[in-house]
Amino acid sequence: MSEQLDARGLSCPQPVILTERKIEELKSGNFEVLVDTDTAKENISRLARNKGWEIEIIPQGREYQLLLKKE
């Protein structure tokens, strides 16, 4: 089971800041981020790719599950 960040209901840039902290803390591995806006999804996706992480986006109704992974 990977770690999970629940960033639903948070306004930007909070979801991105939380994700960046987790990326810096883990360095590699995997975790998921839950978001509820397109803006958060796009900004976190860009951040993850810029830092060398793979990202899979799973739509869940009006929310998104973002799976981040780095070997």
N, C-alpha and C. Protein backbone atom coordinates (compact mmCIF):
# COMPACT_ATOMS: atom_id res chain seq x y z
N MET A 1 0.85 -1.20 0.00
CA MET A 1 0.00 0.00 0.00
C MET A 1 0.89 1.24 0.00
N SER A 2 0.67 2.09 -0.96
CA SER A 2 1.46 3.31 -1.04
C SER A 2 0.88 4.39 -0.14
N GLU A 3 1.69 5.36 0.16
CA GLU A 3 1.22 6.49 0.96
C GLU A 3 0.22 7.29 0.14
N GLN A 4 -0.66 7.97 0.85
CA GLN A 4 -1.68 8.75 0.17
C GLN A 4 -1.74 10.17 0.73
N LEU A 5 -1.74 11.13 -0.19
CA LEU A 5 -1.95 12.54 0.17
C LEU A 5 -3.36 12.91 -0.27
N ASP A 6 -4.15 13.41 0.62
CA ASP A 6 -5.49 13.84 0.26
C ASP A 6 -5.49 15.36 0.15
N ALA A 7 -5.45 15.86 -1.09
CA ALA A 7 -5.40 17.30 -1.32
C ALA A 7 -6.74 17.83 -1.83
N ARG A 8 -7.80 17.03 -1.66
CA ARG A 8 -9.12 17.47 -2.10
C ARG A 8 -9.59 18.62 -1.23
N GLY A 9 -10.21 19.60 -1.87
CA GLY A 9 -10.75 20.74 -1.13
C GLY A 9 -9.73 21.84 -0.84
N LEU A 10 -8.48 21.61 -1.20
CA LEU A 10 -7.45 22.62 -0.96
C LEU A 10 -7.31 23.49 -2.21
N SER A 11 -7.12 24.78 -1.99
CA SER A 11 -6.94 25.67 -3.15
C SER A 11 -5.46 25.75 -3.52
N CYS A 12 -5.20 26.00 -4.80
CA CYS A 12 -3.82 26.13 -5.27
C CYS A 12 -3.18 27.32 -4.59
N PRO A 13 -1.90 27.21 -4.27
CA PRO A 13 -0.98 26.14 -4.68
C PRO A 13 -0.81 25.03 -3.66
N GLN A 14 -1.69 24.92 -2.68
CA GLN A 14 -1.51 23.97 -1.58
C GLN A 14 -1.30 22.52 -2.04
N PRO A 15 -2.11 21.98 -2.97
CA PRO A 15 -1.86 20.59 -3.40
C PRO A 15 -0.47 20.39 -4.00
N VAL A 16 0.00 21.37 -4.74
CA VAL A 16 1.33 21.28 -5.37
C VAL A 16 2.42 21.33 -4.29
N ILE A 17 2.26 22.20 -3.32
CA ILE A 17 3.24 22.31 -2.23
C ILE A 17 3.32 21.00 -1.45
N LEU A 18 2.17 20.42 -1.11
CA LEU A 18 2.17 19.16 -0.38
C LEU A 18 2.83 18.04 -1.19
N THR A 19 2.54 18.01 -2.48
CA THR A 19 3.13 16.99 -3.35
C THR A 19 4.64 17.17 -3.45
N GLU A 20 5.08 18.43 -3.60
CA GLU A 20 6.52 18.69 -3.71
C GLU A 20 7.24 18.27 -2.43
N ARG A 21 6.65 18.53 -1.27
CA ARG A 21 7.25 18.10 0.00
C ARG A 21 7.39 16.58 0.06
N LYS A 22 6.36 15.87 -0.40
CA LYS A 22 6.40 14.41 -0.38
C LYS A 22 7.45 13.88 -1.35
N ILE A 23 7.56 14.50 -2.53
CA ILE A 23 8.59 14.11 -3.50
C ILE A 23 9.99 14.29 -2.90
N GLU A 24 10.22 15.41 -2.24
CA GLU A 24 11.52 15.68 -1.63
C GLU A 24 11.80 14.71 -0.47
N GLU A 25 10.76 14.38 0.27
CA GLU A 25 10.91 13.47 1.42
C GLU A 25 11.24 12.05 0.95
N LEU A 26 10.54 11.57 -0.08
CA LEU A 26 10.69 10.18 -0.50
C LEU A 26 11.88 9.94 -1.43
N LYS A 27 12.21 10.90 -2.28
CA LYS A 27 13.26 10.78 -3.29
C LYS A 27 12.91 9.76 -4.38
N SER A 28 12.35 8.60 -4.01
CA SER A 28 11.90 7.59 -4.96
C SER A 28 10.84 6.73 -4.28
N GLY A 29 10.26 5.83 -5.06
CA GLY A 29 9.19 4.99 -4.52
C GLY A 29 7.88 5.32 -5.20
N ASN A 30 6.78 5.22 -4.45
CA ASN A 30 5.51 5.59 -5.04
C ASN A 30 4.54 6.08 -3.97
N PHE A 31 3.64 6.93 -4.40
CA PHE A 31 2.57 7.42 -3.53
C PHE A 31 1.45 7.95 -4.41
N GLU A 32 0.31 8.19 -3.80
CA GLU A 32 -0.81 8.72 -4.57
C GLU A 32 -1.29 10.03 -3.97
N VAL A 33 -1.84 10.84 -4.85
CA VAL A 33 -2.39 12.14 -4.45
C VAL A 33 -3.83 12.19 -4.94
N LEU A 34 -4.74 12.57 -4.07
CA LEU A 34 -6.15 12.75 -4.44
C LEU A 34 -6.42 14.23 -4.59
N VAL A 35 -6.96 14.63 -5.75
CA VAL A 35 -7.28 16.04 -5.99
C VAL A 35 -8.68 16.13 -6.59
N ASP A 36 -9.25 17.33 -6.53
CA ASP A 36 -10.61 17.51 -7.04
C ASP A 36 -10.75 18.67 -8.02
N THR A 37 -9.61 19.12 -8.57
CA THR A 37 -9.68 20.17 -9.60
C THR A 37 -8.74 19.83 -10.75
N ASP A 38 -9.12 20.30 -11.95
CA ASP A 38 -8.26 20.11 -13.12
C ASP A 38 -6.95 20.86 -12.94
N THR A 39 -7.02 22.04 -12.32
CA THR A 39 -5.81 22.85 -12.12
C THR A 39 -4.80 22.10 -11.27
N ALA A 40 -5.24 21.53 -10.16
CA ALA A 40 -4.33 20.76 -9.29
C ALA A 40 -3.77 19.56 -10.03
N LYS A 41 -4.62 18.87 -10.79
CA LYS A 41 -4.17 17.70 -11.57
C LYS A 41 -3.07 18.11 -12.53
N GLU A 42 -3.29 19.18 -13.29
CA GLU A 42 -2.31 19.62 -14.29
C GLU A 42 -1.01 20.10 -13.63
N ASN A 43 -1.12 20.90 -12.57
CA ASN A 43 0.08 21.43 -11.92
C ASN A 43 0.90 20.34 -11.25
N ILE A 44 0.25 19.38 -10.61
CA ILE A 44 0.98 18.27 -9.98
C ILE A 44 1.61 17.38 -11.05
N SER A 45 0.90 17.17 -12.15
CA SER A 45 1.47 16.36 -13.24
C SER A 45 2.74 17.01 -13.77
N ARG A 46 2.71 18.30 -13.98
CA ARG A 46 3.87 19.04 -14.49
C ARG A 46 5.03 18.96 -13.49
N LEU A 47 4.73 19.18 -12.22
CA LEU A 47 5.75 19.10 -11.17
C LEU A 47 6.40 17.72 -11.15
N ALA A 48 5.58 16.69 -11.16
CA ALA A 48 6.11 15.32 -11.07
C ALA A 48 7.02 15.01 -12.25
N ARG A 49 6.57 15.33 -13.45
CA ARG A 49 7.39 15.05 -14.64
C ARG A 49 8.69 15.85 -14.62
N ASN A 50 8.63 17.10 -14.19
CA ASN A 50 9.84 17.92 -14.10
C ASN A 50 10.85 17.36 -13.12
N LYS A 51 10.37 16.64 -12.11
CA LYS A 51 11.26 16.07 -11.10
C LYS A 51 11.61 14.62 -11.40
N GLY A 52 11.20 14.13 -12.59
CA GLY A 52 11.59 12.79 -13.02
C GLY A 52 10.69 11.67 -12.53
N TRP A 53 9.50 11.98 -12.07
CA TRP A 53 8.55 10.98 -11.61
C TRP A 53 7.58 10.63 -12.73
N GLU A 54 7.20 9.34 -12.79
CA GLU A 54 6.13 8.92 -13.69
C GLU A 54 4.82 9.23 -13.00
N ILE A 55 3.79 9.55 -13.78
CA ILE A 55 2.49 9.83 -13.18
C ILE A 55 1.39 9.17 -14.00
N GLU A 56 0.48 8.54 -13.30
CA GLU A 56 -0.71 7.96 -13.92
C GLU A 56 -1.91 8.68 -13.32
N ILE A 57 -2.81 9.13 -14.19
CA ILE A 57 -3.99 9.88 -13.74
C ILE A 57 -5.21 8.99 -13.90
N ILE A 58 -5.92 8.76 -12.80
CA ILE A 58 -7.12 7.93 -12.83
C ILE A 58 -8.32 8.80 -12.45
N PRO A 59 -9.17 9.13 -13.42
CA PRO A 59 -10.37 9.92 -13.11
C PRO A 59 -11.31 9.10 -12.22
N GLN A 60 -11.87 9.75 -11.21
CA GLN A 60 -12.83 9.11 -10.32
C GLN A 60 -14.00 10.07 -10.14
N GLY A 61 -14.93 10.01 -11.06
CA GLY A 61 -16.03 10.96 -11.04
C GLY A 61 -15.50 12.35 -11.29
N ARG A 62 -15.72 13.26 -10.34
CA ARG A 62 -15.22 14.63 -10.47
C ARG A 62 -13.85 14.82 -9.83
N GLU A 63 -13.28 13.74 -9.34
CA GLU A 63 -11.98 13.80 -8.67
C GLU A 63 -10.96 12.99 -9.47
N TYR A 64 -9.70 13.11 -9.05
CA TYR A 64 -8.62 12.38 -9.71
C TYR A 64 -7.73 11.72 -8.68
N GLN A 65 -7.31 10.51 -9.01
CA GLN A 65 -6.29 9.81 -8.23
C GLN A 65 -5.03 9.88 -9.08
N LEU A 66 -3.99 10.50 -8.54
CA LEU A 66 -2.72 10.64 -9.24
C LEU A 66 -1.73 9.65 -8.62
N LEU A 67 -1.23 8.72 -9.41
CA LEU A 67 -0.26 7.75 -8.93
C LEU A 67 1.12 8.19 -9.39
N LEU A 68 1.98 8.48 -8.45
CA LEU A 68 3.34 8.93 -8.75
C LEU A 68 4.32 7.83 -8.42
N LYS A 69 5.29 7.60 -9.33
CA LYS A 69 6.24 6.52 -9.15
C LYS A 69 7.59 6.93 -9.68
N LYS A 70 8.63 6.57 -8.92
CA LYS A 70 10.00 6.78 -9.37
C LYS A 70 10.86 5.65 -8.83
N GLU A 71 11.62 5.02 -9.75
CA GLU A 71 12.51 3.91 -9.35
C GLU A 71 13.69 4.43 -8.57
